[in-house]
Amino acid sequence: MVVFFVKRLLMSLLVVLVSTLIMYVLVDLSIDPLADLRTSTAPNKAQQIANRTAELRLDDPVILRYLDWLRGASGCLYGSCDLGENWKTNQQVTSLLSGAVTTTIQLVTVATVLAIVLGVLVGIVSALRQYSGFDYSITFLSFLLYSLPVFWVAVLAKVYLAIDLNDFLAGEGGQAAQLSWTFIVVAALLAGLIVSSAIAGAGRTRLRNFGIAAGLTAVLLVFLNVTGWFERPQIGIVLIALSAIGWAFVMTILSTGLRNKKALYSALSVAALGVVLWYPMLFVWFYARDAGILGWPFVLGLFLLGLLVSAGIGYAWGGPDRGQSMRTAALTAVPVSMMLFTDRLLQSWASYNDNQAIKGRPIATIGRATPNLVGDFWIQTLDVLTHLALPTATLILISFASYTRYSRASMLEVMNADYIRTARSKGLTERTVVMRHAFRNALLPLASIVPIDIITLLGGAVITETVFGWFGMGRLFVDSLSGAQQDPVMAYILIVGILAVLANFVADLVYAVLDPRIRVAA
């Protein structure tokens, strides 16, 4: 293992070194730092060209300039990082990178996680319902989304998810926003079709599932209209209680199956605890008002505490396997705690929407924050989320398609394997066959894809950042290249190159850990 690690490390360093050399030469050939001076009409034009040539050492051979840049970049290994500067503003590249990396991480993290989770789940269901209406629909939708250009999806998101949605939330003639009956009926029918086609069963079972899904959807949308939810959104104790019980059953089905009563009781206990804590938590959330000191650290601390308490509840219930009860309880705590947090967040929606800086247009179309917005932790968090909404939706739609296709193809291959037929012949339940045997092995190909996608996305979503006005790694690269700034471009290439090599290394290790047939020594 040590020999493998050392060999891969040395090879990775060589790859990064060669790639930076090639890119340095290519960037030097593609940019012209003197372009603006060549067309200048200033009387001291020649002197300005001479000064900039001397400043940027343009008369030196490109290899010498590369070695000088490499000397500064290698200082990052021992804490003396020098990646050059922006010669127009005299700003250090390291300071530019710190802000760009933070922005990119904030932008792509939520989108990547949601795209992976949704894509894998939908792909697995599509494989289990092969050649059904749901499978054909998902296949068509995946190919459609995969072929769409990002800039076009971003523009559509601005029009329909921002401009039109803001108009809807503002209402007409001063009246509260209301969903039309046409929208309610169409949404209910679509929900019924999706659920009935996704869940297997005979014709009568599918018809029953269609009626239940369509009826619940219609009731929920009518409830939103009657209560004026779009003007003052909230979840409320009733919806939290019903949702928490539903999540308890869902997590138990996915984790152990309903036959494990101790696991089900653990999940239901966590759901009940979440409902009981709804009112006391309204006072606890008060301490998260300071975004600078007791903001996210306080919230994340509460979340970790909730997971520990939930695991303790599962341990107390015990059962044939305490680990299963603890796992089911902890999984149930995740959506329940998220609902409690979301409910408190929505309670500040009216104050956020009425803020002078927002002016009744909460869904932002550009930038990562609203200028001159004054508010506590909840107002600032809502502002971040509303600015993340459009770029996140754009990235999810594009990435969702690929993960769906990967997971579907992998699941179909696993379901036709001999050990799956053996598991069924032993009399195991379909849930056990799918979740314990098929699902885990279907994730193996994704283990080599997901790390690469996650790490390389830190290189920035160039088009998405440009359309939505986010200055992340992608915008830094585009602006620096168009502005003939070689040092920022090389810093971007260095980071992306290191991350790409690291992603491949992590993917190899993860695959070796998950698949016992693979050995590093081989």
Protein backbone atom coordinates (compact mmCIF):
# COMPACT_ATOMS: atom_id res chain seq x y z
CA MET A 1 0.00 0.00 0.00
CA VAL A 2 2.83 2.39 0.88
CA VAL A 3 4.68 1.58 -2.33
CA PHE A 4 1.50 2.14 -4.34
CA PHE A 5 0.90 5.48 -2.63
CA VAL A 6 4.46 6.69 -3.24
CA LYS A 7 4.42 5.63 -6.89
CA ARG A 8 1.09 7.34 -7.52
CA LEU A 9 2.27 10.48 -5.73
CA LEU A 10 5.42 10.73 -7.85
CA MET A 11 3.49 10.08 -11.05
CA SER A 12 0.91 12.69 -10.06
CA LEU A 13 3.60 15.29 -9.42
CA LEU A 14 5.11 14.55 -12.82
CA VAL A 15 1.73 14.89 -14.53
CA VAL A 16 1.03 18.22 -12.82
CA LEU A 17 4.51 19.51 -13.63
CA VAL A 18 4.32 18.62 -17.33
CA SER A 19 0.76 19.92 -17.69
CA THR A 20 1.62 23.27 -16.10
CA LEU A 21 4.62 23.67 -18.41
CA ILE A 22 2.54 22.95 -21.51
CA MET A 23 -0.27 25.24 -20.38
CA TYR A 24 2.13 28.03 -19.47
CA VAL A 25 3.55 28.00 -22.99
CA LEU A 26 0.08 27.81 -24.58
CA VAL A 27 -1.29 30.65 -22.45
CA ASP A 28 1.77 32.77 -23.25
CA LEU A 29 1.13 32.23 -26.97
CA SER A 30 -2.60 32.99 -26.72
CA ILE A 31 -2.52 36.27 -24.79
CA ASP A 32 -1.06 39.66 -25.59
CA PRO A 33 -0.49 41.91 -22.54
CA LEU A 34 0.46 44.78 -24.86
CA ALA A 35 -2.74 44.67 -26.94
CA ASP A 36 -4.27 47.78 -25.37
CA LEU A 37 -1.03 49.78 -25.77
CA ARG A 38 -0.56 48.82 -29.41
CA THR A 39 -3.75 50.70 -30.33
CA SER A 40 -3.04 53.60 -27.98
CA THR A 41 -2.69 57.16 -29.31
CA ALA A 42 -0.73 58.42 -26.29
CA PRO A 43 2.42 60.43 -27.12
CA ASN A 44 4.54 58.21 -24.82
CA LYS A 45 3.20 54.98 -26.31
CA ALA A 46 6.67 53.53 -26.92
CA GLN A 47 7.74 54.25 -23.36
CA GLN A 48 4.60 52.60 -21.94
CA ILE A 49 5.22 49.48 -24.03
CA ALA A 50 8.82 49.37 -22.86
CA ASN A 51 7.81 49.77 -19.22
CA ARG A 52 5.20 47.01 -19.36
CA THR A 53 7.58 44.71 -21.26
CA ALA A 54 10.16 45.18 -18.53
CA GLU A 55 7.56 44.77 -15.76
CA LEU A 56 6.22 41.49 -17.16
CA ARG A 57 9.64 40.31 -18.42
CA LEU A 58 8.23 39.70 -21.89
CA ASP A 59 11.70 39.78 -23.43
CA ASP A 60 12.83 36.81 -21.34
CA PRO A 61 12.40 33.29 -22.77
CA VAL A 62 9.14 31.67 -21.79
CA ILE A 63 10.95 28.78 -20.08
CA LEU A 64 12.75 31.17 -17.72
CA ARG A 65 9.49 32.87 -16.83
CA TYR A 66 7.89 29.48 -16.22
CA LEU A 67 10.72 28.41 -13.90
CA ASP A 68 10.36 31.66 -11.98
CA TRP A 69 6.61 31.07 -11.64
CA LEU A 70 7.21 27.46 -10.63
CA ARG A 71 9.65 28.58 -7.93
CA GLY A 72 6.96 30.76 -6.37
CA ALA A 73 4.26 28.11 -6.76
CA SER A 74 6.42 25.43 -5.13
CA GLY A 75 6.61 27.67 -2.07
CA CYS A 76 3.01 26.66 -1.35
CA LEU A 77 4.38 23.33 -0.16
CA TYR A 78 6.11 24.93 2.82
CA GLY A 79 3.88 27.94 3.56
CA SER A 80 5.47 30.59 1.36
CA CYS A 81 3.01 30.63 -1.51
CA ASP A 82 3.65 33.09 -4.35
CA LEU A 83 1.41 32.63 -7.40
CA GLY A 84 2.09 36.04 -8.86
CA GLU A 85 -0.23 39.03 -9.09
CA ASN A 86 -2.74 40.81 -11.26
CA TRP A 87 -0.50 43.35 -12.96
CA LYS A 88 -3.42 45.69 -13.63
CA THR A 89 -4.52 46.00 -10.01
CA ASN A 90 -1.35 44.79 -8.24
CA GLN A 91 -3.54 42.32 -6.32
CA GLN A 92 -1.97 39.06 -5.23
CA VAL A 93 -3.36 35.96 -6.94
CA THR A 94 -3.66 34.16 -3.60
CA SER A 95 -6.18 36.77 -2.39
CA LEU A 96 -8.15 36.43 -5.63
CA LEU A 97 -8.22 32.65 -5.24
CA SER A 98 -9.45 32.74 -1.65
CA GLY A 99 -12.63 34.57 -2.63
CA ALA A 100 -13.13 32.62 -5.87
CA VAL A 101 -12.73 29.20 -4.22
CA THR A 102 -15.20 30.11 -1.45
CA THR A 103 -17.76 31.28 -4.00
CA THR A 104 -17.39 28.16 -6.14
CA ILE A 105 -17.69 25.81 -3.16
CA GLN A 106 -20.84 27.63 -2.06
CA LEU A 107 -22.27 27.40 -5.56
CA VAL A 108 -21.55 23.80 -6.52
CA THR A 109 -21.83 21.96 -3.18
CA VAL A 110 -25.63 21.96 -2.87
CA ALA A 111 -26.14 21.37 -6.58
CA THR A 112 -23.71 18.45 -6.67
CA VAL A 113 -25.14 16.71 -3.60
CA LEU A 114 -28.74 17.08 -4.79
CA ALA A 115 -27.89 15.98 -8.32
CA ILE A 116 -26.14 12.84 -7.03
CA VAL A 117 -28.91 11.90 -4.58
CA LEU A 118 -31.79 12.57 -6.96
CA GLY A 119 -30.01 11.10 -9.97
CA VAL A 120 -29.10 7.86 -8.18
CA LEU A 121 -32.56 7.41 -6.65
CA VAL A 122 -34.41 8.06 -9.91
CA GLY A 123 -31.98 5.88 -11.85
CA ILE A 124 -32.44 2.97 -9.43
CA VAL A 125 -36.25 3.25 -9.59
CA SER A 126 -36.09 3.49 -13.39
CA ALA A 127 -34.04 0.29 -13.53
CA LEU A 128 -36.42 -1.55 -11.21
CA ARG A 129 -39.34 -0.44 -13.41
CA GLN A 130 -37.61 -1.25 -16.69
CA TYR A 131 -39.69 -0.76 -19.85
CA SER A 132 -42.49 0.90 -17.89
CA GLY A 133 -43.95 4.31 -18.64
CA PHE A 134 -41.84 5.76 -15.83
CA ASP A 135 -38.67 4.25 -17.28
CA TYR A 136 -39.36 5.54 -20.78
CA SER A 137 -40.20 9.00 -19.41
CA ILE A 138 -37.03 9.20 -17.33
CA THR A 139 -34.92 7.96 -20.22
CA PHE A 140 -36.35 10.60 -22.55
CA LEU A 141 -35.99 13.33 -19.91
CA SER A 142 -32.40 12.34 -19.15
CA PHE A 143 -31.33 12.46 -22.79
CA LEU A 144 -33.16 15.77 -23.23
CA LEU A 145 -31.51 17.42 -20.23
CA TYR A 146 -28.11 15.96 -21.09
CA SER A 147 -28.22 17.57 -24.54
CA LEU A 148 -29.41 21.02 -23.43
CA PRO A 149 -26.82 23.84 -23.47
CA VAL A 150 -26.16 25.27 -20.03
CA PHE A 151 -26.57 28.91 -21.04
CA TRP A 152 -30.02 28.20 -22.50
CA VAL A 153 -31.17 26.42 -19.33
CA ALA A 154 -29.83 29.33 -17.27
CA VAL A 155 -31.78 31.88 -19.33
CA LEU A 156 -34.99 29.82 -19.02
CA ALA A 157 -34.44 29.58 -15.27
CA LYS A 158 -34.17 33.37 -15.06
CA VAL A 159 -37.40 33.84 -16.98
CA TYR A 160 -39.62 31.20 -15.38
CA LEU A 161 -38.08 30.59 -11.95
CA ALA A 162 -37.23 34.20 -11.15
CA ILE A 163 -39.13 36.82 -13.16
CA ASP A 164 -42.43 34.94 -13.51
CA LEU A 165 -42.21 33.49 -10.00
CA ASN A 166 -41.55 36.91 -8.48
CA ASP A 167 -44.57 38.26 -10.37
CA PHE A 168 -46.66 35.38 -9.02
CA LEU A 169 -45.53 35.96 -5.43
CA ALA A 170 -46.30 39.67 -5.76
CA GLY A 171 -49.91 38.81 -6.70
CA GLU A 172 -52.23 40.74 -8.96
CA GLY A 173 -53.99 43.93 -7.91
CA GLY A 174 -52.62 43.73 -4.39
CA GLN A 175 -54.23 40.32 -3.76
CA ALA A 176 -52.39 37.32 -2.33
CA ALA A 177 -50.81 34.84 -4.72
CA GLN A 178 -53.14 31.97 -5.61
CA LEU A 179 -52.64 28.83 -7.67
CA SER A 180 -55.14 28.42 -10.46
CA TRP A 181 -57.48 25.44 -10.56
CA THR A 182 -55.96 24.40 -13.87
CA PHE A 183 -52.53 24.22 -12.29
CA ILE A 184 -53.88 22.24 -9.32
CA VAL A 185 -55.61 19.67 -11.54
CA VAL A 186 -52.61 19.24 -13.86
CA ALA A 187 -50.18 18.96 -10.93
CA ALA A 188 -52.41 16.36 -9.22
CA LEU A 189 -52.67 14.27 -12.40
CA LEU A 190 -48.92 14.41 -12.98
CA ALA A 191 -48.21 13.40 -9.37
CA GLY A 192 -50.61 10.48 -9.71
CA LEU A 193 -49.05 9.31 -12.96
CA ILE A 194 -45.50 9.53 -11.59
CA VAL A 195 -46.28 7.62 -8.39
CA SER A 196 -48.43 4.95 -10.07
CA SER A 197 -45.81 4.30 -12.76
CA ALA A 198 -42.88 4.30 -10.30
CA ILE A 199 -44.46 1.81 -7.85
CA ALA A 200 -44.90 -1.69 -9.19
CA GLY A 201 -48.15 -3.62 -8.83
CA ALA A 202 -51.24 -4.89 -10.57
CA GLY A 203 -53.68 -2.61 -12.37
CA ARG A 204 -55.90 -2.14 -9.33
CA THR A 205 -52.90 -1.34 -7.12
CA ARG A 206 -51.57 1.21 -9.57
CA LEU A 207 -54.99 2.83 -9.86
CA ARG A 208 -55.20 3.07 -6.09
CA ASN A 209 -51.73 4.63 -5.91
CA PHE A 210 -52.72 7.08 -8.63
CA GLY A 211 -55.80 8.17 -6.69
CA ILE A 212 -53.94 8.54 -3.40
CA ALA A 213 -51.08 10.56 -4.91
CA ALA A 214 -53.36 12.78 -6.98
CA GLY A 215 -55.75 13.35 -4.08
CA LEU A 216 -53.01 14.23 -1.60
CA THR A 217 -51.39 16.60 -4.09
CA ALA A 218 -54.68 18.38 -4.79
CA VAL A 219 -55.48 18.69 -1.07
CA LEU A 220 -52.02 20.08 -0.34
CA LEU A 221 -52.19 22.70 -3.11
CA VAL A 222 -55.70 23.78 -2.08
CA PHE A 223 -54.47 24.02 1.51
CA LEU A 224 -51.65 26.32 0.37
CA ASN A 225 -54.17 28.57 -1.37
CA VAL A 226 -56.60 28.71 1.54
CA THR A 227 -53.97 29.48 4.17
CA GLY A 228 -52.20 32.14 2.08
CA TRP A 229 -49.02 30.10 2.25
CA PHE A 230 -47.27 31.88 -0.61
CA GLU A 231 -47.48 35.21 1.21
CA ARG A 232 -46.35 33.89 4.60
CA PRO A 233 -44.90 30.40 4.06
CA GLN A 234 -44.44 27.99 6.95
CA ILE A 235 -44.52 24.27 7.64
CA GLY A 236 -46.31 24.28 11.00
CA ILE A 237 -46.64 21.66 13.67
CA VAL A 238 -49.32 19.66 11.81
CA LEU A 239 -47.33 19.18 8.60
CA ILE A 240 -44.17 18.52 10.60
CA ALA A 241 -45.94 15.77 12.56
CA LEU A 242 -47.39 14.10 9.47
CA SER A 243 -44.14 14.39 7.54
CA ALA A 244 -42.05 13.11 10.46
CA ILE A 245 -44.21 9.97 10.73
CA GLY A 246 -43.95 9.45 6.98
CA TRP A 247 -40.17 9.83 7.08
CA ALA A 248 -39.99 7.32 9.95
CA PHE A 249 -41.71 4.67 7.83
CA VAL A 250 -39.70 5.52 4.70
CA MET A 251 -36.35 5.35 6.48
CA THR A 252 -37.30 2.10 8.18
CA ILE A 253 -38.30 0.55 4.85
CA LEU A 254 -35.03 1.61 3.26
CA SER A 255 -32.84 0.70 6.24
CA THR A 256 -34.20 -2.55 7.67
CA GLY A 257 -37.74 -3.16 6.47
CA LEU A 258 -40.92 -2.91 8.52
CA ARG A 259 -40.45 -6.40 9.93
CA ASN A 260 -37.82 -5.01 12.28
CA LYS A 261 -40.21 -3.54 14.83
CA LYS A 262 -37.47 -2.19 17.09
CA ALA A 263 -36.03 -0.15 14.22
CA LEU A 264 -39.51 1.16 13.36
CA TYR A 265 -40.17 2.11 16.99
CA SER A 266 -36.80 3.88 17.09
CA ALA A 267 -37.66 5.89 13.99
CA LEU A 268 -41.14 6.75 15.30
CA SER A 269 -39.62 7.82 18.63
CA VAL A 270 -37.28 10.20 16.82
CA ALA A 271 -40.23 11.57 14.83
CA ALA A 272 -42.22 12.10 18.04
CA LEU A 273 -39.25 13.81 19.67
CA GLY A 274 -38.99 16.18 16.71
CA VAL A 275 -42.66 17.10 17.01
CA VAL A 276 -42.38 17.61 20.78
CA LEU A 277 -39.33 19.84 20.35
CA TRP A 278 -40.95 22.06 17.71
CA TYR A 279 -42.16 24.70 20.17
CA PRO A 280 -39.11 24.68 22.52
CA MET A 281 -36.84 24.96 19.48
CA LEU A 282 -38.42 28.30 18.61
CA PHE A 283 -36.64 29.69 21.66
CA VAL A 284 -33.43 27.75 21.00
CA TRP A 285 -33.21 29.15 17.46
CA PHE A 286 -33.04 32.60 19.04
CA TYR A 287 -29.38 32.01 19.81
CA ALA A 288 -28.59 31.55 16.10
CA ARG A 289 -29.60 35.13 15.28
CA ASP A 290 -25.99 36.37 15.15
CA ALA A 291 -24.71 35.24 11.76
CA GLY A 292 -21.12 36.07 12.66
CA ILE A 293 -20.78 34.23 15.98
CA LEU A 294 -23.70 31.90 16.67
CA GLY A 295 -24.88 31.25 13.14
CA TRP A 296 -23.97 28.12 11.23
CA PRO A 297 -21.64 26.68 13.90
CA PHE A 298 -24.56 26.72 16.34
CA VAL A 299 -26.95 25.15 13.82
CA LEU A 300 -24.48 22.44 12.80
CA GLY A 301 -23.75 21.72 16.44
CA LEU A 302 -27.47 21.19 17.09
CA PHE A 303 -27.67 18.90 14.06
CA LEU A 304 -24.80 16.71 15.30
CA LEU A 305 -26.34 16.63 18.77
CA GLY A 306 -29.62 15.50 17.23
CA LEU A 307 -27.87 12.66 15.42
CA LEU A 308 -26.20 11.51 18.64
CA VAL A 309 -29.45 11.64 20.61
CA SER A 310 -31.25 9.74 17.84
CA ALA A 311 -28.58 7.06 17.78
CA GLY A 312 -28.97 6.80 21.56
CA ILE A 313 -32.71 6.29 21.13
CA GLY A 314 -32.04 3.48 18.66
CA TYR A 315 -29.55 1.93 21.09
CA ALA A 316 -32.12 2.09 23.90
CA TRP A 317 -34.75 0.29 21.80
CA GLY A 318 -32.23 -2.40 20.96
CA GLY A 319 -33.60 -5.30 18.95
CA PRO A 320 -31.90 -8.17 17.12
CA ASP A 321 -29.23 -5.74 15.94
CA ARG A 322 -28.76 -2.49 17.88
CA GLY A 323 -26.74 -1.09 14.99
CA GLN A 324 -29.74 -1.29 12.68
CA SER A 325 -31.96 0.52 15.17
CA MET A 326 -29.34 3.22 15.70
CA ARG A 327 -28.85 3.65 11.96
CA THR A 328 -32.58 3.91 11.27
CA ALA A 329 -33.08 6.42 14.08
CA ALA A 330 -30.18 8.58 12.88
CA LEU A 331 -31.43 8.50 9.28
CA THR A 332 -34.87 9.61 10.45
CA ALA A 333 -33.32 12.47 12.42
CA VAL A 334 -31.86 13.99 9.24
CA PRO A 335 -35.13 14.98 7.48
CA VAL A 336 -36.90 15.74 10.77
CA SER A 337 -34.19 18.17 11.88
CA MET A 338 -34.13 19.73 8.40
CA MET A 339 -37.88 20.35 8.63
CA LEU A 340 -37.50 22.07 11.99
CA PHE A 341 -34.77 24.30 10.60
CA THR A 342 -36.73 25.06 7.43
CA ASP A 343 -39.83 25.94 9.43
CA ARG A 344 -37.89 28.50 11.48
CA LEU A 345 -36.27 29.83 8.33
CA LEU A 346 -39.64 30.35 6.65
CA GLN A 347 -40.91 32.31 9.63
CA SER A 348 -38.52 35.08 8.58
CA TRP A 349 -39.71 35.06 4.96
CA ALA A 350 -42.16 37.94 5.37
CA SER A 351 -39.49 40.14 6.96
CA TYR A 352 -37.04 39.23 4.22
CA ASN A 353 -39.52 39.85 1.41
CA ASP A 354 -40.56 43.22 2.87
CA ASN A 355 -36.96 44.37 3.29
CA GLN A 356 -36.16 47.60 1.45
CA ALA A 357 -33.22 45.95 -0.31
CA ILE A 358 -35.43 43.11 -1.64
CA LYS A 359 -38.43 45.21 -2.72
CA GLY A 360 -40.78 42.27 -3.04
CA ARG A 361 -38.58 40.42 -5.59
CA PRO A 362 -37.06 37.64 -3.44
CA ILE A 363 -35.76 35.31 -6.17
CA ALA A 364 -32.51 36.87 -7.34
CA THR A 365 -31.24 36.61 -10.91
CA ILE A 366 -27.65 37.77 -10.48
CA GLY A 367 -24.93 37.90 -7.85
CA ARG A 368 -24.31 35.89 -4.68
CA ALA A 369 -25.79 38.38 -2.19
CA THR A 370 -28.07 41.41 -2.05
CA PRO A 371 -26.11 44.66 -1.61
CA ASN A 372 -26.81 46.67 1.54
CA LEU A 373 -29.06 43.98 3.03
CA VAL A 374 -29.34 44.36 6.81
CA GLY A 375 -30.65 41.45 8.86
CA ASP A 376 -29.92 38.65 11.32
CA PHE A 377 -28.76 35.11 10.60
CA TRP A 378 -32.13 34.03 9.24
CA ILE A 379 -32.42 36.98 6.85
CA GLN A 380 -28.87 36.47 5.60
CA THR A 381 -29.44 32.73 5.14
CA LEU A 382 -32.61 33.34 3.14
CA ASP A 383 -30.69 35.78 0.98
CA VAL A 384 -27.99 33.19 0.28
CA LEU A 385 -30.57 30.54 -0.58
CA THR A 386 -32.56 32.78 -2.91
CA HIS A 387 -29.37 33.68 -4.77
CA LEU A 388 -28.40 30.01 -4.94
CA ALA A 389 -31.79 28.90 -6.26
CA LEU A 390 -31.32 29.59 -9.98
CA PRO A 391 -27.69 28.46 -10.48
CA THR A 392 -28.34 25.39 -8.32
CA ALA A 393 -31.41 24.46 -10.35
CA THR A 394 -29.42 24.90 -13.57
CA LEU A 395 -26.53 22.71 -12.42
CA ILE A 396 -28.90 20.05 -11.05
CA LEU A 397 -30.81 19.77 -14.32
CA ILE A 398 -27.61 19.25 -16.29
CA SER A 399 -25.86 16.89 -13.83
CA PHE A 400 -29.00 14.95 -12.90
CA ALA A 401 -29.21 13.36 -16.34
CA SER A 402 -25.76 11.78 -16.28
CA TYR A 403 -26.14 10.31 -12.78
CA THR A 404 -29.53 8.90 -13.73
CA ARG A 405 -28.11 7.11 -16.77
CA TYR A 406 -25.09 5.78 -14.86
CA SER A 407 -27.12 4.43 -11.94
CA ARG A 408 -29.80 2.91 -14.19
CA ALA A 409 -27.28 1.06 -16.35
CA SER A 410 -25.36 -0.17 -13.31
CA MET A 411 -28.51 -1.34 -11.53
CA LEU A 412 -29.74 -3.24 -14.59
CA GLU A 413 -26.41 -5.05 -14.86
CA VAL A 414 -26.46 -6.01 -11.19
CA MET A 415 -30.10 -7.18 -11.20
CA ASN A 416 -29.25 -9.71 -13.92
CA ALA A 417 -26.31 -11.17 -11.99
CA ASP A 418 -26.27 -14.74 -10.70
CA TYR A 419 -26.00 -13.80 -7.03
CA ILE A 420 -29.25 -11.81 -7.29
CA ARG A 421 -31.08 -14.88 -8.58
CA THR A 422 -29.45 -16.89 -5.78
CA ALA A 423 -30.63 -14.39 -3.17
CA ARG A 424 -34.18 -14.60 -4.49
CA SER A 425 -34.08 -18.38 -4.56
CA LYS A 426 -33.21 -18.35 -0.86
CA GLY A 427 -36.55 -16.69 -0.15
CA LEU A 428 -35.23 -13.26 0.73
CA THR A 429 -37.69 -10.39 0.49
CA GLU A 430 -37.50 -8.11 -2.53
CA ARG A 431 -36.48 -5.19 -0.29
CA THR A 432 -33.54 -7.18 1.05
CA VAL A 433 -32.51 -8.27 -2.43
CA VAL A 434 -32.66 -4.74 -3.81
CA MET A 435 -31.27 -2.74 -0.89
CA ARG A 436 -28.68 -5.11 0.58
CA HIS A 437 -27.41 -6.93 -2.48
CA ALA A 438 -28.24 -4.99 -5.64
CA PHE A 439 -28.14 -1.36 -4.50
CA ARG A 440 -24.73 -1.53 -2.81
CA ASN A 441 -23.07 -3.24 -5.77
CA ALA A 442 -24.77 -0.89 -8.24
CA LEU A 443 -22.99 2.00 -6.57
CA LEU A 444 -19.54 0.61 -7.38
CA PRO A 445 -19.23 2.24 -10.85
CA LEU A 446 -20.47 5.52 -9.36
CA ALA A 447 -17.66 5.35 -6.81
CA SER A 448 -15.20 6.03 -9.61
CA ILE A 449 -17.28 8.84 -11.11
CA VAL A 450 -18.63 10.83 -8.17
CA PRO A 451 -15.23 11.77 -6.59
CA ILE A 452 -14.00 13.06 -9.93
CA ASP A 453 -17.16 15.10 -10.52
CA ILE A 454 -17.15 16.55 -7.01
CA ILE A 455 -13.49 17.58 -6.96
CA THR A 456 -13.25 18.81 -10.54
CA LEU A 457 -16.39 20.92 -10.07
CA LEU A 458 -14.30 23.07 -7.76
CA GLY A 459 -12.70 24.26 -10.95
CA GLY A 460 -15.84 26.28 -11.41
CA ALA A 461 -18.94 26.24 -13.56
CA VAL A 462 -17.73 28.77 -16.11
CA ILE A 463 -20.97 29.36 -18.03
CA THR A 464 -23.24 29.23 -14.98
CA GLU A 465 -21.06 31.67 -13.04
CA THR A 466 -20.96 34.04 -16.01
CA VAL A 467 -24.72 34.03 -16.62
CA PHE A 468 -25.65 34.49 -12.97
CA GLY A 469 -22.86 36.92 -12.07
CA TRP A 470 -20.99 34.76 -9.55
CA PHE A 471 -17.26 35.50 -9.34
CA GLY A 472 -15.94 32.01 -8.70
CA MET A 473 -13.15 29.96 -10.18
CA GLY A 474 -14.78 29.83 -13.59
CA ARG A 475 -15.24 33.59 -13.84
CA LEU A 476 -11.71 34.11 -12.54
CA PHE A 477 -10.36 31.98 -15.37
CA VAL A 478 -12.46 33.66 -18.09
CA ASP A 479 -11.82 37.21 -16.91
CA SER A 480 -8.10 36.60 -16.43
CA LEU A 481 -7.71 35.00 -19.84
CA SER A 482 -9.59 37.80 -21.61
CA GLY A 483 -7.58 40.37 -19.63
CA ALA A 484 -4.21 38.79 -20.59
CA GLN A 485 -3.47 37.94 -16.94
CA GLN A 486 -1.14 34.95 -17.07
CA ASP A 487 -0.54 34.47 -13.34
CA PRO A 488 -4.24 34.08 -12.36
CA VAL A 489 -4.81 31.75 -15.32
CA MET A 490 -1.88 29.58 -14.28
CA ALA A 491 -3.08 29.51 -10.68
CA TYR A 492 -6.44 28.25 -11.92
CA ILE A 493 -4.79 25.60 -14.11
CA LEU A 494 -2.56 24.51 -11.21
CA ILE A 495 -5.51 24.05 -8.83
CA VAL A 496 -7.65 22.24 -11.40
CA GLY A 497 -4.74 20.00 -12.36
CA ILE A 498 -4.00 19.05 -8.77
CA LEU A 499 -7.68 18.40 -8.07
CA ALA A 500 -8.04 16.26 -11.20
CA VAL A 501 -5.09 14.08 -10.20
CA LEU A 502 -6.34 13.88 -6.62
CA ALA A 503 -9.83 12.93 -7.82
CA ASN A 504 -8.51 10.00 -9.83
CA PHE A 505 -6.42 8.84 -6.88
CA VAL A 506 -9.38 9.04 -4.49
CA ALA A 507 -11.60 7.21 -6.98
CA ASP A 508 -9.09 4.35 -7.19
CA LEU A 509 -8.87 4.05 -3.42
CA VAL A 510 -12.65 4.20 -2.91
CA TYR A 511 -13.22 1.57 -5.58
CA ALA A 512 -10.60 -0.70 -3.99
CA VAL A 513 -12.23 -0.31 -0.58
CA LEU A 514 -15.76 -1.01 -1.83
CA ASP A 515 -14.91 -3.90 -4.15
CA PRO A 516 -13.03 -6.74 -2.37
CA ARG A 517 -12.12 -8.25 -5.75
CA ILE A 518 -9.72 -5.37 -6.34
CA ARG A 519 -6.39 -5.24 -4.56
CA VAL A 520 -3.98 -2.32 -4.67
CA ALA A 521 -1.02 -4.69 -4.94
CA ALA A 522 -2.39 -5.99 -8.24
